[in-house]
Amino acid sequence: MANNGIPDMIEIDELNHATILWNLHQRYMNDDIYTYVGPTLLAVNPYKNMNHKFPPSCKELYKEIMNADDYYGVMRKLDPHTFAIAAYAHKSMIVTK
């Protein structure tokens, strides 16, 4: 596994308690508090202000998900975030009616 952790744990070959905790720890140490497990988002409480990591302008990036045909693919290219999950859910509701 990468030293910075893996943004989507579905890519971990051997997913078990140890690899999950190690990956979450690595990402937490880099202030990456959101991690995917497929279309599910895990969030770790940073116990500090994260405005430096998530400026108000970052939500514009995640609007691409709602405009894309391959919205899951676009979501996976962006960093894990609650905005991505919200955009993915919105697009899924529109597509599946």
PDB file of N, CA and C in Angstrom:
ATOM      1  N   MET A   1       0.838  -1.188   0.000  1.00  0.00           N
ATOM      2  CA  MET A   1       0.000   0.000   0.000  1.00  0.00           C
ATOM      3  C   MET A   1       0.878   1.245   0.000  1.00  0.00           C
ATOM      4  N   ALA A   2       0.332   2.277  -0.530  1.00  0.00           N
ATOM      5  CA  ALA A   2       1.066   3.539  -0.604  1.00  0.00           C
ATOM      6  C   ALA A   2       1.254   4.126   0.789  1.00  0.00           C
ATOM      7  N   ASN A   3       2.336   4.873   0.968  1.00  0.00           N
ATOM      8  CA  ASN A   3       2.611   5.487   2.273  1.00  0.00           C
ATOM      9  C   ASN A   3       1.581   6.537   2.652  1.00  0.00           C
ATOM     10  N   ASN A   4       0.918   7.132   1.666  1.00  0.00           N
ATOM     11  CA  ASN A   4      -0.103   8.139   1.947  1.00  0.00           C
ATOM     12  C   ASN A   4      -1.482   7.527   2.119  1.00  0.00           C
ATOM     13  N   GLY A   5      -1.591   6.232   1.978  1.00  0.00           N
ATOM     14  CA  GLY A   5      -2.876   5.568   2.058  1.00  0.00           C
ATOM     15  C   GLY A   5      -3.537   5.523   0.691  1.00  0.00           C
ATOM     16  N   ILE A   6      -4.595   4.760   0.605  1.00  0.00           N
ATOM     17  CA  ILE A   6      -5.321   4.572  -0.644  1.00  0.00           C
ATOM     18  C   ILE A   6      -6.692   5.207  -0.492  1.00  0.00           C
ATOM     19  N   PRO A   7      -7.079   6.111  -1.424  1.00  0.00           N
ATOM     20  CA  PRO A   7      -8.348   6.821  -1.285  1.00  0.00           C
ATOM     21  C   PRO A   7      -9.585   5.931  -1.376  1.00  0.00           C
ATOM     22  N   ASP A   8      -9.499   4.804  -2.103  1.00  0.00           N
ATOM     23  CA  ASP A   8     -10.627   3.877  -2.202  1.00  0.00           C
ATOM     24  C   ASP A   8     -10.147   2.495  -1.780  1.00  0.00           C
ATOM     25  N   MET A   9     -10.605   2.056  -0.620  1.00  0.00           N
ATOM     26  CA  MET A   9     -10.104   0.805  -0.068  1.00  0.00           C
ATOM     27  C   MET A   9     -10.563  -0.420  -0.841  1.00  0.00           C
ATOM     28  N   ILE A  10     -11.414  -0.256  -1.823  1.00  0.00           N
ATOM     29  CA  ILE A  10     -11.803  -1.371  -2.673  1.00  0.00           C
ATOM     30  C   ILE A  10     -10.596  -1.851  -3.491  1.00  0.00           C
ATOM     31  N   GLU A  11      -9.590  -0.987  -3.607  1.00  0.00           N
ATOM     32  CA  GLU A  11      -8.382  -1.319  -4.358  1.00  0.00           C
ATOM     33  C   GLU A  11      -7.352  -2.090  -3.527  1.00  0.00           C
ATOM     34  N   ILE A  12      -7.604  -2.262  -2.249  1.00  0.00           N
ATOM     35  CA  ILE A  12      -6.676  -3.014  -1.394  1.00  0.00           C
ATOM     36  C   ILE A  12      -6.871  -4.499  -1.666  1.00  0.00           C
ATOM     37  N   ASP A  13      -5.762  -5.195  -1.956  1.00  0.00           N
ATOM     38  CA  ASP A  13      -5.836  -6.622  -2.295  1.00  0.00           C
ATOM     39  C   ASP A  13      -6.363  -7.466  -1.147  1.00  0.00           C
ATOM     40  N   GLU A  14      -5.840  -7.238   0.031  1.00  0.00           N
ATOM     41  CA  GLU A  14      -6.240  -8.024   1.200  1.00  0.00           C
ATOM     42  C   GLU A  14      -6.924  -7.105   2.191  1.00  0.00           C
ATOM     43  N   LEU A  15      -8.224  -7.007   2.121  1.00  0.00           N
ATOM     44  CA  LEU A  15      -8.979  -6.107   2.994  1.00  0.00           C
ATOM     45  C   LEU A  15      -9.331  -6.837   4.285  1.00  0.00           C
ATOM     46  N   ASN A  16      -8.723  -6.410   5.367  1.00  0.00           N
ATOM     47  CA  ASN A  16      -9.009  -6.991   6.677  1.00  0.00           C
ATOM     48  C   ASN A  16      -8.894  -5.874   7.720  1.00  0.00           C
ATOM     49  N   HIS A  17      -9.101  -6.196   8.981  1.00  0.00           N
ATOM     50  CA  HIS A  17      -9.072  -5.174  10.032  1.00  0.00           C
ATOM     51  C   HIS A  17      -7.759  -4.396  10.034  1.00  0.00           C
ATOM     52  N   ALA A  18      -6.665  -5.108   9.904  1.00  0.00           N
ATOM     53  CA  ALA A  18      -5.352  -4.462   9.975  1.00  0.00           C
ATOM     54  C   ALA A  18      -5.128  -3.503   8.803  1.00  0.00           C
ATOM     55  N   THR A  19      -5.467  -3.922   7.581  1.00  0.00           N
ATOM     56  CA  THR A  19      -5.238  -3.056   6.426  1.00  0.00           C
ATOM     57  C   THR A  19      -6.185  -1.861   6.435  1.00  0.00           C
ATOM     58  N   ILE A  20      -7.405  -2.051   6.906  1.00  0.00           N
ATOM     59  CA  ILE A  20      -8.350  -0.938   7.013  1.00  0.00           C
ATOM     60  C   ILE A  20      -7.828   0.102   7.994  1.00  0.00           C
ATOM     61  N   LEU A  21      -7.434  -0.338   9.187  1.00  0.00           N
ATOM     62  CA  LEU A  21      -6.932   0.591  10.200  1.00  0.00           C
ATOM     63  C   LEU A  21      -5.642   1.268   9.752  1.00  0.00           C
ATOM     64  N   TRP A  22      -4.741   0.512   9.116  1.00  0.00           N
ATOM     65  CA  TRP A  22      -3.488   1.095   8.653  1.00  0.00           C
ATOM     66  C   TRP A  22      -3.755   2.165   7.600  1.00  0.00           C
ATOM     67  N   ASN A  23      -4.636   1.860   6.645  1.00  0.00           N
ATOM     68  CA  ASN A  23      -4.944   2.813   5.589  1.00  0.00           C
ATOM     69  C   ASN A  23      -5.605   4.071   6.160  1.00  0.00           C
ATOM     70  N   LEU A  24      -6.574   3.906   7.045  1.00  0.00           N
ATOM     71  CA  LEU A  24      -7.228   5.064   7.654  1.00  0.00           C
ATOM     72  C   LEU A  24      -6.227   5.907   8.451  1.00  0.00           C
ATOM     73  N   HIS A  25      -5.311   5.243   9.145  1.00  0.00           N
ATOM     74  CA  HIS A  25      -4.291   5.965   9.915  1.00  0.00           C
ATOM     75  C   HIS A  25      -3.379   6.770   8.986  1.00  0.00           C
ATOM     76  N   GLN A  26      -2.922   6.150   7.896  1.00  0.00           N
ATOM     77  CA  GLN A  26      -2.043   6.847   6.948  1.00  0.00           C
ATOM     78  C   GLN A  26      -2.731   8.071   6.362  1.00  0.00           C
ATOM     79  N   ARG A  27      -3.993   7.910   5.994  1.00  0.00           N
ATOM     80  CA  ARG A  27      -4.727   9.033   5.409  1.00  0.00           C
ATOM     81  C   ARG A  27      -4.983  10.110   6.456  1.00  0.00           C
ATOM     82  N   TYR A  28      -5.295   9.720   7.668  1.00  0.00           N
ATOM     83  CA  TYR A  28      -5.535  10.674   8.760  1.00  0.00           C
ATOM     84  C   TYR A  28      -4.283  11.510   9.037  1.00  0.00           C
ATOM     85  N   MET A  29      -3.135  10.879   9.001  1.00  0.00           N
ATOM     86  CA  MET A  29      -1.879  11.585   9.263  1.00  0.00           C
ATOM     87  C   MET A  29      -1.580  12.627   8.175  1.00  0.00           C
ATOM     88  N   ASN A  30      -2.179  12.470   7.000  1.00  0.00           N
ATOM     89  CA  ASN A  30      -2.020  13.442   5.905  1.00  0.00           C
ATOM     90  C   ASN A  30      -3.222  14.369   5.798  1.00  0.00           C
ATOM     91  N   ASP A  31      -4.047  14.421   6.839  1.00  0.00           N
ATOM     92  CA  ASP A  31      -5.268  15.237   6.871  1.00  0.00           C
ATOM     93  C   ASP A  31      -6.277  14.829   5.800  1.00  0.00           C
ATOM     94  N   ASP A  32      -6.212  13.589   5.352  1.00  0.00           N
ATOM     95  CA  ASP A  32      -7.221  13.053   4.438  1.00  0.00           C
ATOM     96  C   ASP A  32      -8.238  12.298   5.293  1.00  0.00           C
ATOM     97  N   ILE A  33      -9.293  12.997   5.685  1.00  0.00           N
ATOM     98  CA  ILE A  33     -10.233  12.422   6.643  1.00  0.00           C
ATOM     99  C   ILE A  33     -11.334  11.604   5.984  1.00  0.00           C
ATOM    100  N   TYR A  34     -11.461  11.685   4.657  1.00  0.00           N
ATOM    101  CA  TYR A  34     -12.481  10.923   3.936  1.00  0.00           C
ATOM    102  C   TYR A  34     -11.822   9.817   3.125  1.00  0.00           C
ATOM    103  N   THR A  35     -12.428   8.630   3.160  1.00  0.00           N
ATOM    104  CA  THR A  35     -11.927   7.479   2.419  1.00  0.00           C
ATOM    105  C   THR A  35     -13.116   6.701   1.877  1.00  0.00           C
ATOM    106  N   TYR A  36     -13.034   6.284   0.631  1.00  0.00           N
ATOM    107  CA  TYR A  36     -14.084   5.462   0.036  1.00  0.00           C
ATOM    108  C   TYR A  36     -13.859   3.988   0.332  1.00  0.00           C
ATOM    109  N   VAL A  37     -14.958   3.269   0.380  1.00  0.00           N
ATOM    110  CA  VAL A  37     -14.978   1.814   0.263  1.00  0.00           C
ATOM    111  C   VAL A  37     -16.046   1.573  -0.794  1.00  0.00           C
ATOM    112  N   GLY A  38     -15.611   1.596  -2.064  1.00  0.00           N
ATOM    113  CA  GLY A  38     -16.569   1.576  -3.167  1.00  0.00           C
ATOM    114  C   GLY A  38     -17.358   2.876  -3.139  1.00  0.00           C
ATOM    115  N   PRO A  39     -18.698   2.791  -3.217  1.00  0.00           N
ATOM    116  CA  PRO A  39     -19.506   4.009  -3.191  1.00  0.00           C
ATOM    117  C   PRO A  39     -19.846   4.502  -1.779  1.00  0.00           C
ATOM    118  N   THR A  40     -19.246   3.884  -0.769  1.00  0.00           N
ATOM    119  CA  THR A  40     -19.473   4.266   0.624  1.00  0.00           C
ATOM    120  C   THR A  40     -18.332   5.164   1.094  1.00  0.00           C
ATOM    121  N   LEU A  41     -18.661   6.185   1.879  1.00  0.00           N
ATOM    122  CA  LEU A  41     -17.646   7.116   2.380  1.00  0.00           C
ATOM    123  C   LEU A  41     -17.432   6.903   3.872  1.00  0.00           C
ATOM    124  N   LEU A  42     -16.189   6.710   4.262  1.00  0.00           N
ATOM    125  CA  LEU A  42     -15.810   6.665   5.677  1.00  0.00           C
ATOM    126  C   LEU A  42     -15.225   8.014   6.047  1.00  0.00           C
ATOM    127  N   ALA A  43     -15.618   8.538   7.196  1.00  0.00           N
ATOM    128  CA  ALA A  43     -15.088   9.815   7.668  1.00  0.00           C
ATOM    129  C   ALA A  43     -14.482   9.629   9.048  1.00  0.00           C
ATOM    130  N   VAL A  44     -13.296  10.192   9.232  1.00  0.00           N
ATOM    131  CA  VAL A  44     -12.609  10.142  10.520  1.00  0.00           C
ATOM    132  C   VAL A  44     -12.606  11.556  11.088  1.00  0.00           C
ATOM    133  N   ASN A  45     -13.059  11.713  12.308  1.00  0.00           N
ATOM    134  CA  ASN A  45     -13.116  13.031  12.941  1.00  0.00           C
ATOM    135  C   ASN A  45     -11.698  13.568  13.131  1.00  0.00           C
ATOM    136  N   PRO A  46     -11.378  14.713  12.516  1.00  0.00           N
ATOM    137  CA  PRO A  46     -10.014  15.232  12.628  1.00  0.00           C
ATOM    138  C   PRO A  46      -9.741  15.959  13.939  1.00  0.00           C
ATOM    139  N   TYR A  47     -10.776  16.283  14.697  1.00  0.00           N
ATOM    140  CA  TYR A  47     -10.635  17.021  15.958  1.00  0.00           C
ATOM    141  C   TYR A  47      -9.905  18.345  15.775  1.00  0.00           C
ATOM    142  N   LYS A  48     -10.048  18.941  14.576  1.00  0.00           N
ATOM    143  CA  LYS A  48      -9.470  20.253  14.312  1.00  0.00           C
ATOM    144  C   LYS A  48     -10.167  20.848  13.092  1.00  0.00           C
ATOM    145  N   ASN A  49      -9.966  22.104  12.876  1.00  0.00           N
ATOM    146  CA  ASN A  49     -10.548  22.809  11.748  1.00  0.00           C
ATOM    147  C   ASN A  49      -9.864  22.349  10.461  1.00  0.00           C
ATOM    148  N   MET A  50     -10.660  22.042   9.437  1.00  0.00           N
ATOM    149  CA  MET A  50     -10.104  21.558   8.171  1.00  0.00           C
ATOM    150  C   MET A  50     -10.355  22.533   7.023  1.00  0.00           C
ATOM    151  N   ASN A  51     -10.602  23.810   7.335  1.00  0.00           N
ATOM    152  CA  ASN A  51     -10.869  24.793   6.279  1.00  0.00           C
ATOM    153  C   ASN A  51      -9.725  24.904   5.283  1.00  0.00           C
ATOM    154  N   HIS A  52      -8.487  24.680   5.729  1.00  0.00           N
ATOM    155  CA  HIS A  52      -7.349  24.749   4.818  1.00  0.00           C
ATOM    156  C   HIS A  52      -7.408  23.649   3.758  1.00  0.00           C
ATOM    157  N   LYS A  53      -8.013  22.551   4.093  1.00  0.00           N
ATOM    158  CA  LYS A  53      -8.086  21.399   3.195  1.00  0.00           C
ATOM    159  C   LYS A  53      -9.297  21.468   2.263  1.00  0.00           C
ATOM    160  N   PHE A  54     -10.389  22.083   2.735  1.00  0.00           N
ATOM    161  CA  PHE A  54     -11.633  22.137   1.978  1.00  0.00           C
ATOM    162  C   PHE A  54     -12.142  23.566   1.852  1.00  0.00           C
ATOM    163  N   PRO A  55     -11.550  24.357   0.969  1.00  0.00           N
ATOM    164  CA  PRO A  55     -12.043  25.731   0.778  1.00  0.00           C
ATOM    165  C   PRO A  55     -13.426  25.696   0.120  1.00  0.00           C
ATOM    166  N   PRO A  56     -14.191  26.783   0.241  1.00  0.00           N
ATOM    167  CA  PRO A  56     -15.531  26.814  -0.355  1.00  0.00           C
ATOM    168  C   PRO A  56     -15.533  26.525  -1.862  1.00  0.00           C
ATOM    169  N   SER A  57     -14.459  26.830  -2.539  1.00  0.00           N
ATOM    170  CA  SER A  57     -14.405  26.612  -3.989  1.00  0.00           C
ATOM    171  C   SER A  57     -14.313  25.132  -4.370  1.00  0.00           C
ATOM    172  N   CYS A  58     -14.002  24.260  -3.426  1.00  0.00           N
ATOM    173  CA  CYS A  58     -13.828  22.846  -3.777  1.00  0.00           C
ATOM    174  C   CYS A  58     -15.141  22.193  -4.202  1.00  0.00           C
ATOM    175  N   LYS A  59     -16.283  22.729  -3.775  1.00  0.00           N
ATOM    176  CA  LYS A  59     -17.550  22.099  -4.158  1.00  0.00           C
ATOM    177  C   LYS A  59     -17.805  22.200  -5.654  1.00  0.00           C
ATOM    178  N   GLU A  60     -17.192  23.186  -6.314  1.00  0.00           N
ATOM    179  CA  GLU A  60     -17.353  23.315  -7.760  1.00  0.00           C
ATOM    180  C   GLU A  60     -16.777  22.106  -8.501  1.00  0.00           C
ATOM    181  N   LEU A  61     -15.699  21.535  -7.975  1.00  0.00           N
ATOM    182  CA  LEU A  61     -15.100  20.349  -8.599  1.00  0.00           C
ATOM    183  C   LEU A  61     -16.078  19.187  -8.634  1.00  0.00           C
ATOM    184  N   TYR A  62     -16.844  19.041  -7.577  1.00  0.00           N
ATOM    185  CA  TYR A  62     -17.727  17.889  -7.435  1.00  0.00           C
ATOM    186  C   TYR A  62     -19.017  18.028  -8.239  1.00  0.00           C
ATOM    187  N   LYS A  63     -19.286  19.215  -8.764  1.00  0.00           N
ATOM    188  CA  LYS A  63     -20.451  19.394  -9.634  1.00  0.00           C
ATOM    189  C   LYS A  63     -20.267  18.665 -10.960  1.00  0.00           C
ATOM    190  N   GLU A  64     -19.009  18.352 -11.310  1.00  0.00           N
ATOM    191  CA  GLU A  64     -18.737  17.594 -12.534  1.00  0.00           C
ATOM    192  C   GLU A  64     -19.428  16.242 -12.505  1.00  0.00           C
ATOM    193  N   ILE A  65     -19.586  15.676 -11.329  1.00  0.00           N
ATOM    194  CA  ILE A  65     -20.214  14.361 -11.187  1.00  0.00           C
ATOM    195  C   ILE A  65     -21.642  14.399 -11.730  1.00  0.00           C
ATOM    196  N   MET A  66     -22.366  15.469 -11.433  1.00  0.00           N
ATOM    197  CA  MET A  66     -23.767  15.557 -11.853  1.00  0.00           C
ATOM    198  C   MET A  66     -23.910  15.777 -13.356  1.00  0.00           C
ATOM    199  N   ASN A  67     -22.866  16.260 -14.023  1.00  0.00           N
ATOM    200  CA  ASN A  67     -22.929  16.535 -15.449  1.00  0.00           C
ATOM    201  C   ASN A  67     -22.346  15.417 -16.309  1.00  0.00           C
ATOM    202  N   ALA A  68     -21.789  14.407 -15.689  1.00  0.00           N
ATOM    203  CA  ALA A  68     -21.093  13.357 -16.438  1.00  0.00           C
ATOM    204  C   ALA A  68     -21.993  12.158 -16.706  1.00  0.00           C
ATOM    205  N   ASP A  69     -21.740  11.486 -17.831  1.00  0.00           N
ATOM    206  CA  ASP A  69     -22.438  10.229 -18.110  1.00  0.00           C
ATOM    207  C   ASP A  69     -21.874   9.114 -17.227  1.00  0.00           C
ATOM    208  N   ASP A  70     -20.555   9.094 -17.080  1.00  0.00           N
ATOM    209  CA  ASP A  70     -19.895   8.119 -16.212  1.00  0.00           C
ATOM    210  C   ASP A  70     -19.662   8.765 -14.848  1.00  0.00           C
ATOM    211  N   TYR A  71     -20.747   9.017 -14.127  1.00  0.00           N
ATOM    212  CA  TYR A  71     -20.639   9.775 -12.887  1.00  0.00           C
ATOM    213  C   TYR A  71     -19.865   9.042 -11.810  1.00  0.00           C
ATOM    214  N   TYR A  72     -19.922   7.698 -11.757  1.00  0.00           N
ATOM    215  CA  TYR A  72     -19.127   6.965 -10.765  1.00  0.00           C
ATOM    216  C   TYR A  72     -17.640   7.076 -11.098  1.00  0.00           C
ATOM    217  N   GLY A  73     -17.301   7.034 -12.374  1.00  0.00           N
ATOM    218  CA  GLY A  73     -15.904   7.183 -12.793  1.00  0.00           C
ATOM    219  C   GLY A  73     -15.346   8.547 -12.447  1.00  0.00           C
ATOM    220  N   VAL A  74     -16.148   9.586 -12.657  1.00  0.00           N
ATOM    221  CA  VAL A  74     -15.717  10.948 -12.315  1.00  0.00           C
ATOM    222  C   VAL A  74     -15.550  11.071 -10.808  1.00  0.00           C
ATOM    223  N   MET A  75     -16.472  10.474 -10.053  1.00  0.00           N
ATOM    224  CA  MET A  75     -16.393  10.528  -8.592  1.00  0.00           C
ATOM    225  C   MET A  75     -15.084   9.904  -8.096  1.00  0.00           C
ATOM    226  N   ARG A  76     -14.689   8.788  -8.693  1.00  0.00           N
ATOM    227  CA  ARG A  76     -13.476   8.098  -8.253  1.00  0.00           C
ATOM    228  C   ARG A  76     -12.204   8.854  -8.607  1.00  0.00           C
ATOM    229  N   LYS A  77     -12.265   9.735  -9.608  1.00  0.00           N
ATOM    230  CA  LYS A  77     -11.078  10.514  -9.983  1.00  0.00           C
ATOM    231  C   LYS A  77     -10.816  11.652  -9.005  1.00  0.00           C
ATOM    232  N   LEU A  78     -11.872  12.113  -8.330  1.00  0.00           N
ATOM    233  CA  LEU A  78     -11.735  13.200  -7.360  1.00  0.00           C
ATOM    234  C   LEU A  78     -11.418  12.636  -5.978  1.00  0.00           C
ATOM    235  N   ASP A  79     -10.881  13.467  -5.112  1.00  0.00           N
ATOM    236  CA  ASP A  79     -10.620  13.039  -3.743  1.00  0.00           C
ATOM    237  C   ASP A  79     -11.934  12.711  -3.043  1.00  0.00           C
ATOM    238  N   PRO A  80     -11.940  11.718  -2.158  1.00  0.00           N
ATOM    239  CA  PRO A  80     -13.157  11.397  -1.414  1.00  0.00           C
ATOM    240  C   PRO A  80     -13.661  12.613  -0.631  1.00  0.00           C
ATOM    241  N   HIS A  81     -14.968  12.827  -0.673  1.00  0.00           N
ATOM    242  CA  HIS A  81     -15.556  13.975   0.024  1.00  0.00           C
ATOM    243  C   HIS A  81     -17.059  13.767   0.133  1.00  0.00           C
ATOM    244  N   THR A  82     -17.681  14.429   1.097  1.00  0.00           N
ATOM    245  CA  THR A  82     -19.136  14.344   1.248  1.00  0.00           C
ATOM    246  C   THR A  82     -19.835  14.975   0.042  1.00  0.00           C
ATOM    247  N   PHE A  83     -19.228  15.984  -0.572  1.00  0.00           N
ATOM    248  CA  PHE A  83     -19.815  16.581  -1.774  1.00  0.00           C
ATOM    249  C   PHE A  83     -19.927  15.542  -2.889  1.00  0.00           C
ATOM    250  N   ALA A  84     -18.933  14.668  -3.000  1.00  0.00           N
ATOM    251  CA  ALA A  84     -18.952  13.633  -4.038  1.00  0.00           C
ATOM    252  C   ALA A  84     -20.102  12.656  -3.801  1.00  0.00           C
ATOM    253  N   ILE A  85     -20.305  12.261  -2.564  1.00  0.00           N
ATOM    254  CA  ILE A  85     -21.386  11.328  -2.246  1.00  0.00           C
ATOM    255  C   ILE A  85     -22.743  11.971  -2.524  1.00  0.00           C
ATOM    256  N   ALA A  86     -22.899  13.236  -2.170  1.00  0.00           N
ATOM    257  CA  ALA A  86     -24.158  13.939  -2.418  1.00  0.00           C
ATOM    258  C   ALA A  86     -24.421  14.070  -3.919  1.00  0.00           C
ATOM    259  N   ALA A  87     -23.397  14.433  -4.691  1.00  0.00           N
ATOM    260  CA  ALA A  87     -23.557  14.567  -6.138  1.00  0.00           C
ATOM    261  C   ALA A  87     -23.852  13.214  -6.778  1.00  0.00           C
ATOM    262  N   TYR A  88     -23.186  12.164  -6.295  1.00  0.00           N
ATOM    263  CA  TYR A  88     -23.411  10.806  -6.810  1.00  0.00           C
ATOM    264  C   TYR A  88     -24.840  10.354  -6.517  1.00  0.00           C
ATOM    265  N   ALA A  89     -25.330  10.611  -5.312  1.00  0.00           N
ATOM    266  CA  ALA A  89     -26.695  10.227  -4.950  1.00  0.00           C
ATOM    267  C   ALA A  89     -27.710  10.999  -5.794  1.00  0.00           C
ATOM    268  N   HIS A  90     -27.476  12.277  -5.985  1.00  0.00           N
ATOM    269  CA  HIS A  90     -28.381  13.102  -6.787  1.00  0.00           C
ATOM    270  C   HIS A  90     -28.428  12.609  -8.232  1.00  0.00           C
ATOM    271  N   LYS A  91     -27.265  12.374  -8.810  1.00  0.00           N
ATOM    272  CA  LYS A  91     -27.204  11.881 -10.195  1.00  0.00           C
ATOM    273  C   LYS A  91     -27.845  10.503 -10.314  1.00  0.00           C
ATOM    274  N   SER A  92     -27.628   9.629  -9.347  1.00  0.00           N
ATOM    275  CA  SER A  92     -28.226   8.296  -9.359  1.00  0.00           C
ATOM    276  C   SER A  92     -29.752   8.376  -9.321  1.00  0.00           C
ATOM    277  N   MET A  93     -30.306   9.284  -8.512  1.00  0.00           N
ATOM    278  CA  MET A  93     -31.764   9.443  -8.457  1.00  0.00           C
ATOM    279  C   MET A  93     -32.317   9.924  -9.786  1.00  0.00           C
ATOM    280  N   ILE A  94     -31.609  10.821 -10.445  1.00  0.00           N
ATOM    281  CA  ILE A  94     -32.071  11.331 -11.740  1.00  0.00           C
ATOM    282  C   ILE A  94     -32.031  10.233 -12.795  1.00  0.00           C
ATOM    283  N   VAL A  95     -30.946   9.467 -12.812  1.00  0.00           N
ATOM    284  CA  VAL A  95     -30.774   8.425 -13.818  1.00  0.00           C
ATOM    285  C   VAL A  95     -31.774   7.289 -13.612  1.00  0.00           C
ATOM    286  N   THR A  96     -31.961   6.853 -12.382  1.00  0.00           N
ATOM    287  CA  THR A  96     -32.846   5.711 -12.112  1.00  0.00           C
ATOM    288  C   THR A  96     -34.318   6.102 -11.904  1.00  0.00           C
ATOM    289  N   LYS A  97     -34.580   7.396 -11.803  1.00  0.00           N
ATOM    290  CA  LYS A  97     -35.919   7.947 -11.610  1.00  0.00           C
ATOM    291  C   LYS A  97     -36.577   7.347 -10.389  1.00  0.00           C
TER     292      LYS A  97
END
